[in-house]
Amino acid sequence: MDIRSAQKIAWDNKVDKNFNTSNVPLEFGLLTAEVGEAFTAWRKGLPDFGEELADVFLYVAAVAEMNGIDLQDEVERKLTKNKARVYERDERGVPIRVHEPDSD
């Protein structure tokens, strides 16, 4: 399944179940709660960690849909941009961006 298809299926489920489809601040609040649940599942080594990550994705997809954003296009564009970035580590070993493809 591609991101675009998942975004549509997730959105259709929200509509079918009469979940929030218009309140962006509420959706961000719910997303934040899901990120917390995913972190807790990871920290405690719970078996539902993957499911919690899926919930995070579904809330991100809903925010994208509420704002008319094709998440697949945005992810593809961002992956391309990230691949072209160049980093060097500073004296502490922290990666510092030294080349941004759009800056040339």
N, C-alpha and C. Protein backbone atom coordinates (compact mmCIF):
# COMPACT_ATOMS: atom_id res chain seq x y z
N MET A 1 0.85 -1.18 0.00
CA MET A 1 0.00 0.00 0.00
C MET A 1 0.89 1.24 0.00
N ASP A 2 0.53 2.22 -0.81
CA ASP A 2 1.30 3.47 -0.81
C ASP A 2 0.70 4.46 0.20
N ILE A 3 1.43 5.52 0.44
CA ILE A 3 0.99 6.52 1.42
C ILE A 3 -0.33 7.15 1.01
N ARG A 4 -0.46 7.48 -0.26
CA ARG A 4 -1.68 8.13 -0.75
C ARG A 4 -2.91 7.26 -0.49
N SER A 5 -2.79 5.97 -0.76
CA SER A 5 -3.91 5.05 -0.53
C SER A 5 -4.23 4.94 0.96
N ALA A 6 -3.20 4.85 1.77
CA ALA A 6 -3.41 4.77 3.22
C ALA A 6 -4.08 6.02 3.74
N GLN A 7 -3.67 7.18 3.23
CA GLN A 7 -4.27 8.45 3.65
C GLN A 7 -5.75 8.44 3.32
N LYS A 8 -6.12 7.99 2.13
CA LYS A 8 -7.53 7.97 1.73
C LYS A 8 -8.34 6.99 2.56
N ILE A 9 -7.81 5.79 2.77
CA ILE A 9 -8.52 4.78 3.57
C ILE A 9 -8.71 5.27 5.01
N ALA A 10 -7.67 5.87 5.58
CA ALA A 10 -7.76 6.40 6.94
C ALA A 10 -8.81 7.51 7.01
N TRP A 11 -8.83 8.36 6.00
CA TRP A 11 -9.79 9.46 5.98
C TRP A 11 -11.22 8.93 5.84
N ASP A 12 -11.41 7.99 4.95
CA ASP A 12 -12.74 7.40 4.77
C ASP A 12 -13.24 6.77 6.06
N ASN A 13 -12.34 6.14 6.81
CA ASN A 13 -12.72 5.55 8.10
C ASN A 13 -13.18 6.62 9.07
N LYS A 14 -12.46 7.75 9.11
CA LYS A 14 -12.85 8.86 10.00
C LYS A 14 -14.23 9.38 9.63
N VAL A 15 -14.48 9.53 8.33
CA VAL A 15 -15.78 10.03 7.88
C VAL A 15 -16.87 9.02 8.22
N ASP A 16 -16.63 7.75 7.92
CA ASP A 16 -17.62 6.70 8.17
C ASP A 16 -17.99 6.58 9.65
N LYS A 17 -17.02 6.82 10.52
CA LYS A 17 -17.25 6.66 11.96
C LYS A 17 -17.61 7.98 12.64
N ASN A 18 -17.73 9.04 11.83
CA ASN A 18 -18.08 10.37 12.35
C ASN A 18 -17.04 10.88 13.36
N PHE A 19 -15.75 10.59 13.08
CA PHE A 19 -14.66 11.11 13.88
C PHE A 19 -14.36 12.54 13.43
N ASN A 20 -13.48 13.20 14.13
CA ASN A 20 -13.09 14.57 13.81
C ASN A 20 -12.53 14.65 12.39
N THR A 21 -13.09 15.56 11.59
CA THR A 21 -12.59 15.78 10.23
C THR A 21 -12.36 17.26 9.93
N SER A 22 -12.48 18.11 10.94
CA SER A 22 -12.34 19.55 10.65
C SER A 22 -11.55 20.34 11.69
N ASN A 23 -11.40 19.83 12.87
CA ASN A 23 -10.74 20.58 13.94
C ASN A 23 -9.26 20.20 13.98
N VAL A 24 -8.44 21.01 13.30
CA VAL A 24 -7.01 20.72 13.20
C VAL A 24 -6.32 20.78 14.57
N PRO A 25 -6.59 21.78 15.41
CA PRO A 25 -5.93 21.77 16.73
C PRO A 25 -6.27 20.51 17.55
N LEU A 26 -7.51 20.06 17.49
CA LEU A 26 -7.88 18.83 18.18
C LEU A 26 -7.08 17.65 17.64
N GLU A 27 -6.94 17.58 16.32
CA GLU A 27 -6.21 16.47 15.71
C GLU A 27 -4.75 16.48 16.13
N PHE A 28 -4.15 17.68 16.23
CA PHE A 28 -2.77 17.76 16.72
C PHE A 28 -2.69 17.31 18.18
N GLY A 29 -3.67 17.65 18.98
CA GLY A 29 -3.69 17.19 20.37
C GLY A 29 -3.77 15.68 20.45
N LEU A 30 -4.65 15.09 19.64
CA LEU A 30 -4.78 13.62 19.62
C LEU A 30 -3.49 12.98 19.10
N LEU A 31 -2.87 13.61 18.10
CA LEU A 31 -1.60 13.11 17.57
C LEU A 31 -0.53 13.11 18.67
N THR A 32 -0.48 14.17 19.43
CA THR A 32 0.49 14.27 20.52
C THR A 32 0.29 13.14 21.53
N ALA A 33 -0.97 12.85 21.84
CA ALA A 33 -1.27 11.74 22.75
C ALA A 33 -0.80 10.41 22.17
N GLU A 34 -0.99 10.22 20.87
CA GLU A 34 -0.56 8.98 20.22
C GLU A 34 0.96 8.85 20.22
N VAL A 35 1.66 9.96 20.02
CA VAL A 35 3.13 9.92 20.10
C VAL A 35 3.55 9.50 21.51
N GLY A 36 2.88 10.03 22.51
CA GLY A 36 3.17 9.63 23.89
C GLY A 36 2.93 8.15 24.12
N GLU A 37 1.83 7.63 23.57
CA GLU A 37 1.55 6.20 23.70
C GLU A 37 2.61 5.35 23.00
N ALA A 38 3.06 5.81 21.83
CA ALA A 38 4.10 5.08 21.10
C ALA A 38 5.40 5.09 21.90
N PHE A 39 5.74 6.22 22.47
CA PHE A 39 6.97 6.30 23.27
C PHE A 39 6.89 5.37 24.47
N THR A 40 5.75 5.37 25.15
CA THR A 40 5.58 4.49 26.31
C THR A 40 5.70 3.03 25.90
N ALA A 41 5.09 2.66 24.77
CA ALA A 41 5.17 1.28 24.29
C ALA A 41 6.62 0.90 23.99
N TRP A 42 7.37 1.83 23.38
CA TRP A 42 8.78 1.57 23.09
C TRP A 42 9.58 1.44 24.38
N ARG A 43 9.39 2.41 25.28
CA ARG A 43 10.16 2.46 26.52
C ARG A 43 9.94 1.22 27.38
N LYS A 44 8.70 0.71 27.37
CA LYS A 44 8.38 -0.45 28.20
C LYS A 44 8.52 -1.77 27.45
N GLY A 45 8.91 -1.69 26.18
CA GLY A 45 9.05 -2.91 25.39
C GLY A 45 7.74 -3.63 25.16
N LEU A 46 6.66 -2.89 25.03
CA LEU A 46 5.34 -3.49 24.86
C LEU A 46 5.16 -4.02 23.44
N PRO A 47 4.36 -5.05 23.30
CA PRO A 47 4.18 -5.66 21.98
C PRO A 47 3.38 -4.81 21.00
N ASP A 48 2.70 -3.77 21.48
CA ASP A 48 1.87 -2.95 20.59
C ASP A 48 2.60 -1.70 20.09
N PHE A 49 3.93 -1.67 20.19
CA PHE A 49 4.70 -0.52 19.72
C PHE A 49 4.41 -0.22 18.25
N GLY A 50 4.42 -1.24 17.40
CA GLY A 50 4.14 -1.04 15.98
C GLY A 50 2.76 -0.48 15.74
N GLU A 51 1.79 -0.97 16.47
CA GLU A 51 0.42 -0.47 16.34
C GLU A 51 0.34 1.00 16.75
N GLU A 52 1.06 1.36 17.79
CA GLU A 52 1.06 2.76 18.23
C GLU A 52 1.72 3.66 17.18
N LEU A 53 2.79 3.17 16.54
CA LEU A 53 3.40 3.94 15.45
C LEU A 53 2.42 4.11 14.29
N ALA A 54 1.65 3.07 14.01
CA ALA A 54 0.64 3.16 12.96
C ALA A 54 -0.40 4.22 13.31
N ASP A 55 -0.80 4.29 14.58
CA ASP A 55 -1.73 5.33 15.00
C ASP A 55 -1.16 6.72 14.74
N VAL A 56 0.12 6.90 15.04
CA VAL A 56 0.77 8.19 14.79
C VAL A 56 0.67 8.53 13.30
N PHE A 57 0.99 7.58 12.45
CA PHE A 57 0.91 7.80 11.01
C PHE A 57 -0.51 8.20 10.60
N LEU A 58 -1.51 7.51 11.13
CA LEU A 58 -2.89 7.78 10.75
C LEU A 58 -3.33 9.18 11.17
N TYR A 59 -2.88 9.63 12.33
CA TYR A 59 -3.21 11.00 12.74
C TYR A 59 -2.49 12.03 11.87
N VAL A 60 -1.24 11.76 11.52
CA VAL A 60 -0.51 12.66 10.60
C VAL A 60 -1.23 12.70 9.25
N ALA A 61 -1.67 11.55 8.78
CA ALA A 61 -2.40 11.50 7.51
C ALA A 61 -3.68 12.31 7.59
N ALA A 62 -4.36 12.26 8.73
CA ALA A 62 -5.61 13.03 8.89
C ALA A 62 -5.33 14.53 8.87
N VAL A 63 -4.28 14.96 9.54
CA VAL A 63 -3.93 16.39 9.52
C VAL A 63 -3.61 16.81 8.09
N ALA A 64 -2.88 15.98 7.37
CA ALA A 64 -2.58 16.29 5.97
C ALA A 64 -3.86 16.41 5.16
N GLU A 65 -4.76 15.46 5.31
CA GLU A 65 -6.02 15.48 4.56
C GLU A 65 -6.85 16.71 4.90
N MET A 66 -6.91 17.07 6.16
CA MET A 66 -7.67 18.25 6.59
C MET A 66 -7.15 19.52 5.95
N ASN A 67 -5.88 19.49 5.55
CA ASN A 67 -5.25 20.69 4.98
C ASN A 67 -4.97 20.56 3.49
N GLY A 68 -5.54 19.54 2.86
CA GLY A 68 -5.40 19.38 1.42
C GLY A 68 -3.99 19.03 0.97
N ILE A 69 -3.25 18.33 1.81
CA ILE A 69 -1.87 17.98 1.50
C ILE A 69 -1.80 16.52 1.07
N ASP A 70 -1.15 16.28 -0.06
CA ASP A 70 -0.90 14.92 -0.51
C ASP A 70 0.37 14.47 0.21
N LEU A 71 0.20 13.66 1.24
CA LEU A 71 1.33 13.28 2.08
C LEU A 71 2.38 12.48 1.31
N GLN A 72 1.95 11.68 0.36
CA GLN A 72 2.91 10.92 -0.43
C GLN A 72 3.83 11.85 -1.21
N ASP A 73 3.26 12.86 -1.86
CA ASP A 73 4.09 13.83 -2.59
C ASP A 73 5.07 14.52 -1.65
N GLU A 74 4.59 14.92 -0.49
CA GLU A 74 5.45 15.63 0.46
C GLU A 74 6.57 14.74 1.00
N VAL A 75 6.25 13.47 1.28
CA VAL A 75 7.28 12.55 1.78
C VAL A 75 8.32 12.30 0.70
N GLU A 76 7.87 12.09 -0.53
CA GLU A 76 8.82 11.87 -1.63
C GLU A 76 9.73 13.08 -1.82
N ARG A 77 9.14 14.28 -1.78
CA ARG A 77 9.92 15.51 -1.94
C ARG A 77 10.93 15.66 -0.80
N LYS A 78 10.50 15.36 0.42
CA LYS A 78 11.38 15.52 1.58
C LYS A 78 12.51 14.49 1.57
N LEU A 79 12.21 13.25 1.16
CA LEU A 79 13.27 12.24 1.08
C LEU A 79 14.33 12.65 0.06
N THR A 80 13.91 13.20 -1.06
CA THR A 80 14.85 13.66 -2.08
C THR A 80 15.71 14.79 -1.53
N LYS A 81 15.08 15.73 -0.84
CA LYS A 81 15.80 16.86 -0.25
C LYS A 81 16.80 16.38 0.80
N ASN A 82 16.36 15.47 1.67
CA ASN A 82 17.26 14.97 2.71
C ASN A 82 18.45 14.22 2.13
N LYS A 83 18.22 13.47 1.06
CA LYS A 83 19.31 12.71 0.44
C LYS A 83 20.40 13.64 -0.09
N ALA A 84 20.01 14.81 -0.58
CA ALA A 84 20.97 15.75 -1.17
C ALA A 84 21.71 16.58 -0.12
N ARG A 85 21.23 16.58 1.11
CA ARG A 85 21.91 17.36 2.15
C ARG A 85 23.24 16.69 2.53
N VAL A 86 24.20 17.52 2.89
CA VAL A 86 25.51 17.02 3.30
C VAL A 86 25.77 17.46 4.74
N TYR A 87 26.24 16.53 5.54
CA TYR A 87 26.52 16.80 6.95
C TYR A 87 27.97 16.46 7.26
N GLU A 88 28.53 17.19 8.21
CA GLU A 88 29.82 16.86 8.79
C GLU A 88 29.65 16.90 10.30
N ARG A 89 30.42 16.10 10.98
CA ARG A 89 30.32 16.07 12.44
C ARG A 89 31.26 17.12 13.05
N ASP A 90 30.74 17.83 14.05
CA ASP A 90 31.59 18.82 14.73
C ASP A 90 32.48 18.10 15.74
N GLU A 91 33.21 18.86 16.52
CA GLU A 91 34.18 18.28 17.47
C GLU A 91 33.52 17.42 18.54
N ARG A 92 32.22 17.60 18.75
CA ARG A 92 31.50 16.78 19.73
C ARG A 92 30.82 15.57 19.09
N GLY A 93 30.95 15.45 17.76
CA GLY A 93 30.33 14.34 17.05
C GLY A 93 28.91 14.61 16.60
N VAL A 94 28.47 15.86 16.74
CA VAL A 94 27.11 16.22 16.35
C VAL A 94 27.08 16.51 14.84
N PRO A 95 26.15 15.88 14.11
CA PRO A 95 26.08 16.17 12.67
C PRO A 95 25.57 17.60 12.43
N ILE A 96 26.33 18.35 11.63
CA ILE A 96 25.98 19.73 11.27
C ILE A 96 25.81 19.79 9.75
N ARG A 97 24.68 20.33 9.31
CA ARG A 97 24.44 20.44 7.87
C ARG A 97 25.39 21.47 7.27
N VAL A 98 26.12 21.06 6.24
CA VAL A 98 27.08 21.96 5.59
C VAL A 98 26.68 22.28 4.16
N HIS A 99 25.67 21.56 3.64
CA HIS A 99 25.18 21.85 2.30
C HIS A 99 23.69 21.58 2.23
N GLU A 100 22.96 22.59 1.80
CA GLU A 100 21.52 22.50 1.57
C GLU A 100 21.31 22.61 0.07
N PRO A 101 20.67 21.61 -0.56
CA PRO A 101 20.56 21.62 -2.03
C PRO A 101 19.88 22.86 -2.60
N ASP A 102 18.99 23.48 -1.87
CA ASP A 102 18.29 24.67 -2.37
C ASP A 102 19.10 25.94 -2.20
N SER A 103 20.25 25.84 -1.51
CA SER A 103 21.03 27.04 -1.20
C SER A 103 22.05 27.39 -2.27
N ASP A 104 22.21 26.53 -3.27
CA ASP A 104 23.20 26.80 -4.32
C ASP A 104 22.67 27.74 -5.37
